[in-house]
């Protein structure tokens, strides 16, 4: 199951809050989450033209184990992904 927690494509520099649904899914499935940071928003932005001359970087981060409260999970997920995107930019 792949989820984009912002619910839409965003530029890697945008800090859109993650949607609550990602926490609900995590809580319901009771499995660990494998966060992945991807900067594809530079190549295929929500608005504007595609930019085929940019490189897409995918970074696989440390998993988040099951059992966290959903609010703590979402906060942890945001921090991990946005910190990694900061390093990519």
N, C-alpha and C. Protein backbone atom coordinates (compact mmCIF):
# COMPACT_ATOMS: atom_id res chain seq x y z
N UNK A 1 0.85 -1.16 0.00
CA UNK A 1 0.00 0.00 0.00
C UNK A 1 0.90 1.22 0.00
N UNK A 2 0.80 2.05 -1.01
CA UNK A 2 1.58 3.29 -1.10
C UNK A 2 0.63 4.46 -0.88
N UNK A 3 1.03 5.35 0.03
CA UNK A 3 0.21 6.50 0.37
C UNK A 3 1.05 7.76 0.24
N UNK A 4 0.51 8.76 -0.40
CA UNK A 4 1.12 10.08 -0.42
C UNK A 4 0.39 10.90 0.64
N UNK A 5 1.01 11.09 1.81
CA UNK A 5 0.28 11.64 2.96
C UNK A 5 -0.19 13.08 2.82
N UNK A 6 0.31 13.82 1.81
CA UNK A 6 -0.21 15.17 1.60
C UNK A 6 -1.48 15.13 0.75
N UNK A 7 -1.76 13.97 0.16
CA UNK A 7 -2.93 13.72 -0.66
C UNK A 7 -2.88 14.40 -2.03
N UNK A 8 -1.75 14.96 -2.38
CA UNK A 8 -1.57 15.59 -3.69
C UNK A 8 -0.08 15.76 -3.94
N UNK A 9 0.28 16.02 -5.17
CA UNK A 9 1.68 16.30 -5.47
C UNK A 9 2.03 17.69 -4.98
N UNK A 10 3.19 17.80 -4.35
CA UNK A 10 3.67 19.10 -3.88
C UNK A 10 5.14 19.24 -4.25
N UNK A 11 5.61 20.47 -4.30
CA UNK A 11 7.03 20.70 -4.51
C UNK A 11 7.79 20.22 -3.28
N UNK A 12 8.99 19.69 -3.45
CA UNK A 12 9.74 19.20 -2.30
C UNK A 12 10.05 20.26 -1.25
N UNK A 13 9.93 21.54 -1.60
CA UNK A 13 10.18 22.61 -0.63
C UNK A 13 8.92 23.02 0.13
N UNK A 14 7.75 22.56 -0.31
CA UNK A 14 6.49 22.88 0.38
C UNK A 14 6.37 22.02 1.63
N UNK A 15 5.77 22.56 2.66
CA UNK A 15 5.59 21.83 3.91
C UNK A 15 4.10 21.75 4.24
N UNK A 16 3.37 21.09 3.35
CA UNK A 16 1.95 20.86 3.52
C UNK A 16 1.73 19.87 4.66
N UNK A 17 0.86 20.18 5.63
CA UNK A 17 0.60 19.21 6.70
C UNK A 17 0.05 17.90 6.13
N UNK A 18 0.47 16.81 6.72
CA UNK A 18 -0.03 15.51 6.28
C UNK A 18 -1.50 15.36 6.68
N UNK A 19 -2.24 14.63 5.90
CA UNK A 19 -3.66 14.40 6.16
C UNK A 19 -3.84 13.42 7.32
N UNK A 20 -4.92 13.57 8.05
CA UNK A 20 -5.21 12.70 9.19
C UNK A 20 -5.41 11.24 8.79
N UNK A 21 -5.85 11.02 7.56
CA UNK A 21 -6.14 9.66 7.10
C UNK A 21 -4.93 8.74 7.14
N UNK A 22 -3.74 9.30 6.95
CA UNK A 22 -2.54 8.45 6.99
C UNK A 22 -2.37 7.87 8.40
N UNK A 23 -2.73 8.65 9.42
CA UNK A 23 -2.67 8.15 10.79
C UNK A 23 -3.72 7.08 11.06
N UNK A 24 -4.88 7.27 10.47
CA UNK A 24 -5.95 6.28 10.64
C UNK A 24 -5.58 4.95 9.99
N UNK A 25 -5.00 5.02 8.81
CA UNK A 25 -4.58 3.79 8.11
C UNK A 25 -3.51 3.07 8.92
N UNK A 26 -2.51 3.82 9.41
CA UNK A 26 -1.44 3.24 10.23
C UNK A 26 -2.02 2.56 11.46
N UNK A 27 -2.93 3.25 12.14
CA UNK A 27 -3.53 2.71 13.36
C UNK A 27 -4.36 1.45 13.07
N UNK A 28 -5.10 1.47 11.99
CA UNK A 28 -5.99 0.35 11.66
C UNK A 28 -5.22 -0.90 11.21
N UNK A 29 -4.17 -0.71 10.40
CA UNK A 29 -3.43 -1.86 9.87
C UNK A 29 -2.50 -2.50 10.89
N UNK A 30 -2.06 -1.72 11.87
CA UNK A 30 -1.19 -2.24 12.92
C UNK A 30 0.08 -2.89 12.36
N UNK A 31 0.66 -2.25 11.36
CA UNK A 31 1.92 -2.73 10.78
C UNK A 31 2.91 -1.57 10.74
N UNK A 32 4.19 -1.90 10.59
CA UNK A 32 5.18 -0.82 10.52
C UNK A 32 5.02 -0.07 9.21
N UNK A 33 5.48 1.16 9.21
CA UNK A 33 5.40 2.03 8.04
C UNK A 33 6.81 2.23 7.48
N UNK A 34 6.95 2.14 6.18
CA UNK A 34 8.24 2.37 5.52
C UNK A 34 8.20 3.74 4.83
N UNK A 35 8.71 4.79 5.49
CA UNK A 35 8.69 6.12 4.88
C UNK A 35 9.67 6.21 3.71
N UNK A 36 9.24 6.92 2.70
CA UNK A 36 10.07 7.17 1.52
C UNK A 36 9.92 8.64 1.17
N UNK A 37 11.05 9.31 0.98
CA UNK A 37 11.04 10.71 0.54
C UNK A 37 11.37 10.73 -0.94
N UNK A 38 10.61 11.49 -1.70
CA UNK A 38 10.81 11.55 -3.15
C UNK A 38 10.64 13.01 -3.60
N UNK A 39 11.54 13.46 -4.45
CA UNK A 39 11.50 14.86 -4.90
C UNK A 39 10.89 15.01 -6.29
N UNK A 40 10.00 14.12 -6.66
CA UNK A 40 9.43 14.14 -8.01
C UNK A 40 8.57 15.37 -8.30
N UNK A 41 8.23 16.14 -7.27
CA UNK A 41 7.46 17.37 -7.50
C UNK A 41 8.19 18.36 -8.39
N UNK A 42 9.52 18.27 -8.44
CA UNK A 42 10.29 19.13 -9.35
C UNK A 42 10.11 18.70 -10.80
N UNK A 43 9.92 17.40 -11.02
CA UNK A 43 9.81 16.87 -12.38
C UNK A 43 8.37 16.93 -12.88
N UNK A 44 7.43 16.65 -12.01
CA UNK A 44 6.02 16.61 -12.38
C UNK A 44 5.22 17.41 -11.36
N UNK A 45 5.27 18.75 -11.46
CA UNK A 45 4.56 19.58 -10.48
C UNK A 45 3.04 19.48 -10.65
N UNK A 46 2.33 19.82 -9.60
CA UNK A 46 0.87 19.81 -9.65
C UNK A 46 0.37 20.78 -10.71
N UNK A 47 1.02 21.94 -10.79
CA UNK A 47 0.66 22.93 -11.81
C UNK A 47 1.90 23.23 -12.64
N UNK A 48 1.70 23.46 -13.89
CA UNK A 48 2.82 23.80 -14.75
C UNK A 48 3.27 22.63 -15.61
N UNK A 49 4.34 22.86 -16.32
CA UNK A 49 4.85 21.87 -17.26
C UNK A 49 5.76 20.86 -16.56
N UNK A 50 5.79 19.66 -17.11
CA UNK A 50 6.74 18.66 -16.64
C UNK A 50 8.14 19.12 -16.99
N UNK A 51 9.09 18.77 -16.17
CA UNK A 51 10.47 19.15 -16.37
C UNK A 51 11.32 17.88 -16.48
N UNK A 52 11.47 17.35 -17.70
CA UNK A 52 12.18 16.08 -17.86
C UNK A 52 13.69 16.19 -17.66
N UNK A 53 14.20 17.39 -17.46
CA UNK A 53 15.64 17.56 -17.29
C UNK A 53 16.09 17.52 -15.83
N UNK A 54 15.23 17.14 -14.94
CA UNK A 54 15.58 17.04 -13.51
C UNK A 54 15.67 15.57 -13.13
N UNK A 55 16.49 15.31 -12.15
CA UNK A 55 16.66 13.96 -11.64
C UNK A 55 15.72 13.73 -10.46
N UNK A 56 15.06 12.59 -10.44
CA UNK A 56 14.20 12.22 -9.31
C UNK A 56 15.04 11.41 -8.33
N UNK A 57 15.00 11.84 -7.07
CA UNK A 57 15.72 11.13 -6.02
C UNK A 57 14.71 10.48 -5.09
N UNK A 58 14.92 9.20 -4.83
CA UNK A 58 14.08 8.45 -3.91
C UNK A 58 14.96 8.03 -2.74
N UNK A 59 14.52 8.34 -1.54
CA UNK A 59 15.29 7.99 -0.34
C UNK A 59 14.42 7.12 0.57
N UNK A 60 14.90 5.93 0.86
CA UNK A 60 14.19 5.01 1.75
C UNK A 60 14.70 5.24 3.16
N UNK A 61 13.79 5.60 4.04
CA UNK A 61 14.14 6.00 5.41
C UNK A 61 13.94 4.85 6.39
N UNK A 62 14.33 5.08 7.65
CA UNK A 62 14.12 4.09 8.71
C UNK A 62 12.63 3.82 8.88
N UNK A 63 12.25 2.56 9.01
CA UNK A 63 10.83 2.25 9.24
C UNK A 63 10.34 2.81 10.58
N UNK A 64 9.06 3.04 10.65
CA UNK A 64 8.40 3.44 11.89
C UNK A 64 7.59 2.23 12.35
N UNK A 65 7.91 1.72 13.52
CA UNK A 65 7.22 0.54 14.03
C UNK A 65 5.77 0.83 14.36
N UNK A 66 4.97 -0.21 14.39
CA UNK A 66 3.56 -0.06 14.74
C UNK A 66 3.44 0.22 16.24
N UNK A 67 2.26 0.69 16.62
CA UNK A 67 1.98 0.87 18.04
C UNK A 67 2.01 2.29 18.56
N UNK A 68 2.44 3.24 17.74
CA UNK A 68 2.41 4.64 18.18
C UNK A 68 0.99 5.17 18.12
N UNK A 69 0.70 6.17 18.93
CA UNK A 69 -0.57 6.88 18.80
C UNK A 69 -0.56 7.55 17.43
N UNK A 70 -1.73 7.62 16.78
CA UNK A 70 -1.74 8.12 15.40
C UNK A 70 -1.21 9.54 15.27
N UNK A 71 -1.46 10.41 16.25
CA UNK A 71 -0.95 11.78 16.19
C UNK A 71 0.58 11.80 16.25
N UNK A 72 1.14 10.97 17.12
CA UNK A 72 2.60 10.87 17.24
C UNK A 72 3.18 10.28 15.95
N UNK A 73 2.50 9.30 15.39
CA UNK A 73 2.94 8.70 14.13
C UNK A 73 3.01 9.74 13.02
N UNK A 74 1.94 10.51 12.84
CA UNK A 74 1.91 11.51 11.77
C UNK A 74 3.00 12.55 11.99
N UNK A 75 3.19 12.99 13.21
CA UNK A 75 4.24 13.96 13.54
C UNK A 75 5.63 13.38 13.21
N UNK A 76 5.85 12.13 13.57
CA UNK A 76 7.13 11.46 13.30
C UNK A 76 7.35 11.30 11.80
N UNK A 77 6.30 10.89 11.10
CA UNK A 77 6.40 10.71 9.65
C UNK A 77 6.72 12.01 8.94
N UNK A 78 6.01 13.08 9.30
CA UNK A 78 6.29 14.40 8.72
C UNK A 78 7.74 14.81 8.95
N UNK A 79 8.19 14.66 10.19
CA UNK A 79 9.55 15.07 10.53
C UNK A 79 10.58 14.29 9.72
N UNK A 80 10.42 12.98 9.63
CA UNK A 80 11.37 12.15 8.88
C UNK A 80 11.40 12.53 7.40
N UNK A 81 10.24 12.63 6.78
CA UNK A 81 10.18 12.90 5.34
C UNK A 81 10.65 14.31 5.04
N UNK A 82 10.17 15.29 5.78
CA UNK A 82 10.55 16.68 5.49
C UNK A 82 12.03 16.94 5.80
N UNK A 83 12.57 16.28 6.82
CA UNK A 83 14.01 16.42 7.09
C UNK A 83 14.84 15.85 5.94
N UNK A 84 14.42 14.74 5.41
CA UNK A 84 15.14 14.12 4.28
C UNK A 84 15.01 15.00 3.03
N UNK A 85 13.83 15.55 2.78
CA UNK A 85 13.66 16.43 1.62
C UNK A 85 14.52 17.68 1.76
N UNK A 86 14.70 18.19 2.97
CA UNK A 86 15.59 19.33 3.20
C UNK A 86 17.01 18.99 2.77
N UNK A 87 17.45 17.76 3.06
CA UNK A 87 18.79 17.34 2.66
C UNK A 87 18.92 17.18 1.15
N UNK A 88 17.84 16.79 0.49
CA UNK A 88 17.87 16.59 -0.97
C UNK A 88 17.93 17.90 -1.73
N UNK A 89 17.36 18.96 -1.18
CA UNK A 89 17.24 20.23 -1.90
C UNK A 89 18.53 21.01 -1.92
